Amino acid sequence: MLIPHDTRIALDTVVDLVNTAPDGDAAEVTPDGLADVAALHTFVRDHSVSGVEELGVRDLRAVLDVRKRFADVFGAPDAPTAAALINRLVAGAGTTPQLTDHDGYDWHVHYFAPGASVADHLAADCGMALAFIVVAGEQERLRRCEAPDCGRAFVDLSRNRSRRYCDSRTCGNRLHVAAYRARRKEAAG
């Protein structure tokens, strides 16, 4: 699956945004990664979200709403449901597609209107990246980690759509080691 550079960046951003949410049962282990305006500012800086100036509590609340709505897309049972969720997100952001070539990147499309809020920026650009996946008939690539104690979002970009864990070095290895130890224990009697 060929994904343009700007779409890949937006996909990485939406995954990171969804994964800032506290983990339901383990909220004390995985706290909210966007607990305050300072954390939002760090997220915006770390993800090079362009065109964002001052951030306040209103921005934080709006981004938390967008995060929840993106999480719903990752949990969508089928493409029509995902498409409806994405359509509402993108429409609410007031998309204004425009070609741009900034910061050393070649021509690419920004979907947010000039001067858009950070929430609208994320909803538009990341929503369109998710739309690209659905249009390509690849909605099943929007996944949650299958490790019982994880559930982090990821986009499966493997050739055969076989990725099961957010990170094979942590979640995948941990489960494989646990299964190996269980087999050894059972074999030992």
C-alpha atoms as a PDB file:
ATOM      1  CA  MET A   1       0.000   0.000   0.000  1.00  0.00           C
ATOM      2  CA  LEU A   2       1.589   3.250  -1.144  1.00  0.00           C
ATOM      3  CA  ILE A   3       0.974   6.070   1.326  1.00  0.00           C
ATOM      4  CA  PRO A   4       2.213   9.609   0.610  1.00  0.00           C
ATOM      5  CA  HIS A   5       4.565  11.162   3.156  1.00  0.00           C
ATOM      6  CA  ASP A   6       2.076  13.717   4.500  1.00  0.00           C
ATOM      7  CA  THR A   7      -0.613  11.064   4.904  1.00  0.00           C
ATOM      8  CA  ARG A   8       1.827   8.840   6.796  1.00  0.00           C
ATOM      9  CA  ILE A   9       2.688  11.718   9.143  1.00  0.00           C
ATOM     10  CA  ALA A  10      -1.019  12.361   9.742  1.00  0.00           C
ATOM     11  CA  LEU A  11      -1.611   8.655  10.423  1.00  0.00           C
ATOM     12  CA  ASP A  12       1.242   8.617  12.937  1.00  0.00           C
ATOM     13  CA  THR A  13      -0.190  11.747  14.552  1.00  0.00           C
ATOM     14  CA  VAL A  14      -3.713  10.326  14.866  1.00  0.00           C
ATOM     15  CA  VAL A  15      -2.357   7.092  16.367  1.00  0.00           C
ATOM     16  CA  ASP A  16      -0.275   9.057  18.863  1.00  0.00           C
ATOM     17  CA  LEU A  17      -3.266  11.264  19.680  1.00  0.00           C
ATOM     18  CA  VAL A  18      -5.576   8.304  20.302  1.00  0.00           C
ATOM     19  CA  ASN A  19      -2.883   6.655  22.407  1.00  0.00           C
ATOM     20  CA  THR A  20      -2.660   9.671  24.754  1.00  0.00           C
ATOM     21  CA  ALA A  21      -6.015   8.582  26.234  1.00  0.00           C
ATOM     22  CA  PRO A  22      -5.829   6.911  29.624  1.00  0.00           C
ATOM     23  CA  ASP A  23      -6.220   3.158  29.504  1.00  0.00           C
ATOM     24  CA  GLY A  24      -9.641   2.353  31.015  1.00  0.00           C
ATOM     25  CA  ASP A  25      -8.831  -0.236  33.696  1.00  0.00           C
ATOM     26  CA  ALA A  26      -5.201   0.761  34.021  1.00  0.00           C
ATOM     27  CA  ALA A  27      -5.646   4.571  34.157  1.00  0.00           C
ATOM     28  CA  GLU A  28      -3.303   4.717  37.128  1.00  0.00           C
ATOM     29  CA  VAL A  29      -0.662   2.931  35.013  1.00  0.00           C
ATOM     30  CA  THR A  30      -1.380   4.831  31.797  1.00  0.00           C
ATOM     31  CA  PRO A  31      -2.478   8.348  32.741  1.00  0.00           C
ATOM     32  CA  ASP A  32      -3.980  10.836  30.303  1.00  0.00           C
ATOM     33  CA  GLY A  33      -1.225  12.051  27.996  1.00  0.00           C
ATOM     34  CA  LEU A  34      -3.192  15.268  27.392  1.00  0.00           C
ATOM     35  CA  ALA A  35      -4.051  16.114  30.980  1.00  0.00           C
ATOM     36  CA  ASP A  36      -3.405  19.830  30.622  1.00  0.00           C
ATOM     37  CA  VAL A  37      -2.588  22.644  28.208  1.00  0.00           C
ATOM     38  CA  ALA A  38       1.162  22.112  28.707  1.00  0.00           C
ATOM     39  CA  ALA A  39       0.803  18.497  27.549  1.00  0.00           C
ATOM     40  CA  LEU A  40      -1.183  19.670  24.514  1.00  0.00           C
ATOM     41  CA  HIS A  41       1.534  22.195  23.708  1.00  0.00           C
ATOM     42  CA  THR A  42       4.152  19.418  23.906  1.00  0.00           C
ATOM     43  CA  PHE A  43       2.051  17.175  21.648  1.00  0.00           C
ATOM     44  CA  VAL A  44       1.658  19.968  19.081  1.00  0.00           C
ATOM     45  CA  ARG A  45       5.386  20.711  19.159  1.00  0.00           C
ATOM     46  CA  ASP A  46       6.467  17.049  19.005  1.00  0.00           C
ATOM     47  CA  HIS A  47       4.199  16.406  16.028  1.00  0.00           C
ATOM     48  CA  SER A  48       5.145  19.618  14.208  1.00  0.00           C
ATOM     49  CA  VAL A  49       1.513  20.693  13.922  1.00  0.00           C
ATOM     50  CA  SER A  50       1.893  23.803  11.772  1.00  0.00           C
ATOM     51  CA  GLY A  51      -0.017  27.044  12.075  1.00  0.00           C
ATOM     52  CA  VAL A  52      -0.815  26.682  15.779  1.00  0.00           C
ATOM     53  CA  GLU A  53      -0.256  29.724  17.931  1.00  0.00           C
ATOM     54  CA  GLU A  54      -1.605  30.162  21.455  1.00  0.00           C
ATOM     55  CA  LEU A  55      -3.263  27.205  23.141  1.00  0.00           C
ATOM     56  CA  GLY A  56      -5.774  27.346  25.964  1.00  0.00           C
ATOM     57  CA  VAL A  57      -8.248  25.263  27.914  1.00  0.00           C
ATOM     58  CA  ARG A  58     -10.836  25.568  25.126  1.00  0.00           C
ATOM     59  CA  ASP A  59      -8.309  24.077  22.687  1.00  0.00           C
ATOM     60  CA  LEU A  60      -7.579  21.248  25.091  1.00  0.00           C
ATOM     61  CA  ARG A  61     -11.268  20.392  25.498  1.00  0.00           C
ATOM     62  CA  ALA A  62     -11.787  20.463  21.732  1.00  0.00           C
ATOM     63  CA  VAL A  63      -8.756  18.217  21.087  1.00  0.00           C
ATOM     64  CA  LEU A  64      -9.959  15.749  23.735  1.00  0.00           C
ATOM     65  CA  ASP A  65     -13.296  15.583  21.902  1.00  0.00           C
ATOM     66  CA  VAL A  66     -11.501  14.991  18.584  1.00  0.00           C
ATOM     67  CA  ARG A  67      -9.351  12.304  20.262  1.00  0.00           C
ATOM     68  CA  LYS A  68     -12.492  10.491  21.460  1.00  0.00           C
ATOM     69  CA  ARG A  69     -14.011  10.662  18.004  1.00  0.00           C
ATOM     70  CA  PHE A  70     -10.820   9.286  16.412  1.00  0.00           C
ATOM     71  CA  ALA A  71     -10.848   6.459  18.970  1.00  0.00           C
ATOM     72  CA  ASP A  72     -14.368   5.657  17.792  1.00  0.00           C
ATOM     73  CA  VAL A  73     -13.033   5.329  14.227  1.00  0.00           C
ATOM     74  CA  PHE A  74     -10.437   2.784  15.393  1.00  0.00           C
ATOM     75  CA  GLY A  75     -13.245   0.867  17.089  1.00  0.00           C
ATOM     76  CA  ALA A  76     -15.612   1.007  14.122  1.00  0.00           C
ATOM     77  CA  PRO A  77     -16.878  -2.463  13.194  1.00  0.00           C
ATOM     78  CA  ASP A  78     -16.953  -1.795   9.445  1.00  0.00           C
ATOM     79  CA  ALA A  79     -16.071   0.676   6.691  1.00  0.00           C
ATOM     80  CA  PRO A  80     -19.509   2.353   6.485  1.00  0.00           C
ATOM     81  CA  THR A  81     -19.412   3.125  10.213  1.00  0.00           C
ATOM     82  CA  ALA A  82     -15.827   4.389   9.988  1.00  0.00           C
ATOM     83  CA  ALA A  83     -16.735   6.511   6.952  1.00  0.00           C
ATOM     84  CA  ALA A  84     -19.696   8.111   8.732  1.00  0.00           C
ATOM     85  CA  LEU A  85     -17.537   8.962  11.750  1.00  0.00           C
ATOM     86  CA  ILE A  86     -14.768  10.396   9.573  1.00  0.00           C
ATOM     87  CA  ASN A  87     -17.254  12.385   7.473  1.00  0.00           C
ATOM     88  CA  ARG A  88     -18.660  14.054  10.592  1.00  0.00           C
ATOM     89  CA  LEU A  89     -15.167  14.872  11.884  1.00  0.00           C
ATOM     90  CA  VAL A  90     -13.931  16.331   8.609  1.00  0.00           C
ATOM     91  CA  ALA A  91     -17.136  18.276   7.925  1.00  0.00           C
ATOM     92  CA  GLY A  92     -17.064  19.761  11.424  1.00  0.00           C
ATOM     93  CA  ALA A  93     -13.515  20.947  10.855  1.00  0.00           C
ATOM     94  CA  GLY A  94     -14.514  23.060   7.850  1.00  0.00           C
ATOM     95  CA  THR A  95     -11.914  21.589   5.538  1.00  0.00           C
ATOM     96  CA  THR A  96     -10.267  23.836   3.002  1.00  0.00           C
ATOM     97  CA  PRO A  97      -7.845  21.744   0.923  1.00  0.00           C
ATOM     98  CA  GLN A  98      -4.815  23.640  -0.310  1.00  0.00           C
ATOM     99  CA  LEU A  99      -1.464  22.694  -1.786  1.00  0.00           C
ATOM    100  CA  THR A 100       1.598  23.753   0.176  1.00  0.00           C
ATOM    101  CA  ASP A 101       5.357  23.151   0.217  1.00  0.00           C
ATOM    102  CA  HIS A 102       6.795  24.258   3.523  1.00  0.00           C
ATOM    103  CA  ASP A 103       9.636  23.335   5.869  1.00  0.00           C
ATOM    104  CA  GLY A 104      11.573  21.433   3.216  1.00  0.00           C
ATOM    105  CA  TYR A 105       8.677  19.138   2.248  1.00  0.00           C
ATOM    106  CA  ASP A 106       7.611  18.817  -1.349  1.00  0.00           C
ATOM    107  CA  TRP A 107       4.078  19.650  -2.419  1.00  0.00           C
ATOM    108  CA  HIS A 108       1.376  18.163  -0.255  1.00  0.00           C
ATOM    109  CA  VAL A 109      -2.192  18.931   0.754  1.00  0.00           C
ATOM    110  CA  HIS A 110      -3.297  20.638   3.948  1.00  0.00           C
ATOM    111  CA  TYR A 111      -6.969  20.109   4.606  1.00  0.00           C
ATOM    112  CA  PHE A 112      -7.444  22.634   7.394  1.00  0.00           C
ATOM    113  CA  ALA A 113      -8.427  26.232   6.822  1.00  0.00           C
ATOM    114  CA  PRO A 114      -5.798  28.916   7.435  1.00  0.00           C
ATOM    115  CA  GLY A 115      -6.049  30.032  11.053  1.00  0.00           C
ATOM    116  CA  ALA A 116      -7.933  26.874  12.081  1.00  0.00           C
ATOM    117  CA  SER A 117      -7.894  25.801  15.701  1.00  0.00           C
ATOM    118  CA  VAL A 118      -5.601  22.933  16.641  1.00  0.00           C
ATOM    119  CA  ALA A 119      -8.638  20.642  17.026  1.00  0.00           C
ATOM    120  CA  ASP A 120      -9.916  21.523  13.535  1.00  0.00           C
ATOM    121  CA  HIS A 121      -6.399  21.127  12.150  1.00  0.00           C
ATOM    122  CA  LEU A 122      -6.098  17.622  13.622  1.00  0.00           C
ATOM    123  CA  ALA A 123      -9.664  16.655  12.669  1.00  0.00           C
ATOM    124  CA  ALA A 124      -9.154  17.770   9.065  1.00  0.00           C
ATOM    125  CA  ASP A 125      -5.635  16.476   8.331  1.00  0.00           C
ATOM    126  CA  CYS A 126      -5.838  13.282  10.378  1.00  0.00           C
ATOM    127  CA  GLY A 127      -9.436  12.676   9.342  1.00  0.00           C
ATOM    128  CA  MET A 128      -8.446  12.857   5.692  1.00  0.00           C
ATOM    129  CA  ALA A 129      -5.565  10.438   6.325  1.00  0.00           C
ATOM    130  CA  LEU A 130      -8.043   7.982   7.840  1.00  0.00           C
ATOM    131  CA  ALA A 131     -10.374   8.640   4.889  1.00  0.00           C
ATOM    132  CA  PHE A 132      -7.515   7.646   2.566  1.00  0.00           C
ATOM    133  CA  ILE A 133      -7.327   4.277   4.335  1.00  0.00           C
ATOM    134  CA  VAL A 134     -11.089   3.699   4.101  1.00  0.00           C
ATOM    135  CA  VAL A 135     -11.216   4.770   0.425  1.00  0.00           C
ATOM    136  CA  ALA A 136      -8.431   2.290  -0.325  1.00  0.00           C
ATOM    137  CA  GLY A 137     -10.634  -0.461   1.126  1.00  0.00           C
ATOM    138  CA  GLU A 138      -8.223  -0.928   4.012  1.00  0.00           C
ATOM    139  CA  GLN A 139     -10.330   0.029   7.065  1.00  0.00           C
ATOM    140  CA  GLU A 140      -9.319  -3.222   8.769  1.00  0.00           C
ATOM    141  CA  ARG A 141      -5.782  -1.803   9.006  1.00  0.00           C
ATOM    142  CA  LEU A 142      -7.035   0.559  11.740  1.00  0.00           C
ATOM    143  CA  ARG A 143      -6.499  -1.690  14.726  1.00  0.00           C
ATOM    144  CA  ARG A 144      -6.098  -2.024  18.462  1.00  0.00           C
ATOM    145  CA  CYS A 145      -3.295  -4.060  20.020  1.00  0.00           C
ATOM    146  CA  GLU A 146      -4.426  -7.612  20.785  1.00  0.00           C
ATOM    147  CA  ALA A 147      -2.334  -7.859  23.962  1.00  0.00           C
ATOM    148  CA  PRO A 148      -4.891  -8.298  26.763  1.00  0.00           C
ATOM    149  CA  ASP A 149      -3.365  -5.531  28.875  1.00  0.00           C
ATOM    150  CA  CYS A 150      -2.718  -3.021  26.078  1.00  0.00           C
ATOM    151  CA  GLY A 151      -5.306  -1.997  23.483  1.00  0.00           C
ATOM    152  CA  ARG A 152      -3.225   0.829  21.971  1.00  0.00           C
ATOM    153  CA  ALA A 153      -4.231   1.987  18.490  1.00  0.00           C
ATOM    154  CA  PHE A 154      -2.038   1.398  15.455  1.00  0.00           C
ATOM    155  CA  VAL A 155      -2.262   1.315  11.674  1.00  0.00           C
ATOM    156  CA  ASP A 156      -1.241  -2.077  10.306  1.00  0.00           C
ATOM    157  CA  LEU A 157       0.899  -1.266   7.289  1.00  0.00           C
ATOM    158  CA  SER A 158       2.289  -4.789   6.964  1.00  0.00           C
ATOM    159  CA  ARG A 159       2.079  -6.270   3.496  1.00  0.00           C
ATOM    160  CA  ASN A 160      -0.345  -9.033   4.458  1.00  0.00           C
ATOM    161  CA  ARG A 161      -2.302  -7.163   7.169  1.00  0.00           C
ATOM    162  CA  SER A 162      -1.051  -9.589   9.825  1.00  0.00           C
ATOM    163  CA  ARG A 163       0.188  -7.250  12.536  1.00  0.00           C
ATOM    164  CA  ARG A 164      -1.512  -7.990  15.864  1.00  0.00           C
ATOM    165  CA  TYR A 165       0.383  -5.863  18.367  1.00  0.00           C
ATOM    166  CA  CYS A 166       1.156  -2.171  18.657  1.00  0.00           C
ATOM    167  CA  ASP A 167       4.817  -3.089  19.098  1.00  0.00           C
ATOM    168  CA  SER A 168       6.137  -6.571  18.428  1.00  0.00           C
ATOM    169  CA  ARG A 169       9.173  -5.923  20.639  1.00  0.00           C
ATOM    170  CA  THR A 170       7.079  -5.227  23.721  1.00  0.00           C
ATOM    171  CA  CYS A 171       3.522  -6.562  23.549  1.00  0.00           C
ATOM    172  CA  GLY A 172       4.287  -9.288  21.006  1.00  0.00           C
ATOM    173  CA  ASN A 173       7.415 -10.585  22.729  1.00  0.00           C
ATOM    174  CA  ARG A 174       5.798 -10.400  26.177  1.00  0.00           C
ATOM    175  CA  LEU A 175       2.921 -12.625  25.025  1.00  0.00           C
ATOM    176  CA  HIS A 176       5.207 -15.036  23.176  1.00  0.00           C
ATOM    177  CA  VAL A 177       7.440 -15.407  26.247  1.00  0.00           C
ATOM    178  CA  ALA A 178       4.399 -15.954  28.490  1.00  0.00           C
ATOM    179  CA  ALA A 179       3.078 -18.649  26.128  1.00  0.00           C
ATOM    180  CA  TYR A 180       6.509 -20.306  25.999  1.00  0.00           C
ATOM    181  CA  ARG A 181       6.760 -20.352  29.803  1.00  0.00           C
ATOM    182  CA  ALA A 182       3.252 -21.774  30.090  1.00  0.00           C
ATOM    183  CA  ARG A 183       4.136 -24.570  27.643  1.00  0.00           C
ATOM    184  CA  ARG A 184       7.354 -25.343  29.555  1.00  0.00           C
ATOM    185  CA  LYS A 185       5.505 -25.396  32.866  1.00  0.00           C
ATOM    186  CA  GLU A 186       2.848 -27.724  31.469  1.00  0.00           C
ATOM    187  CA  ALA A 187       5.483 -30.005  29.932  1.00  0.00           C
ATOM    188  CA  ALA A 188       7.345 -30.141  33.274  1.00  0.00           C
ATOM    189  CA  GLY A 189       4.166 -31.381  34.878  1.00  0.00           C
END
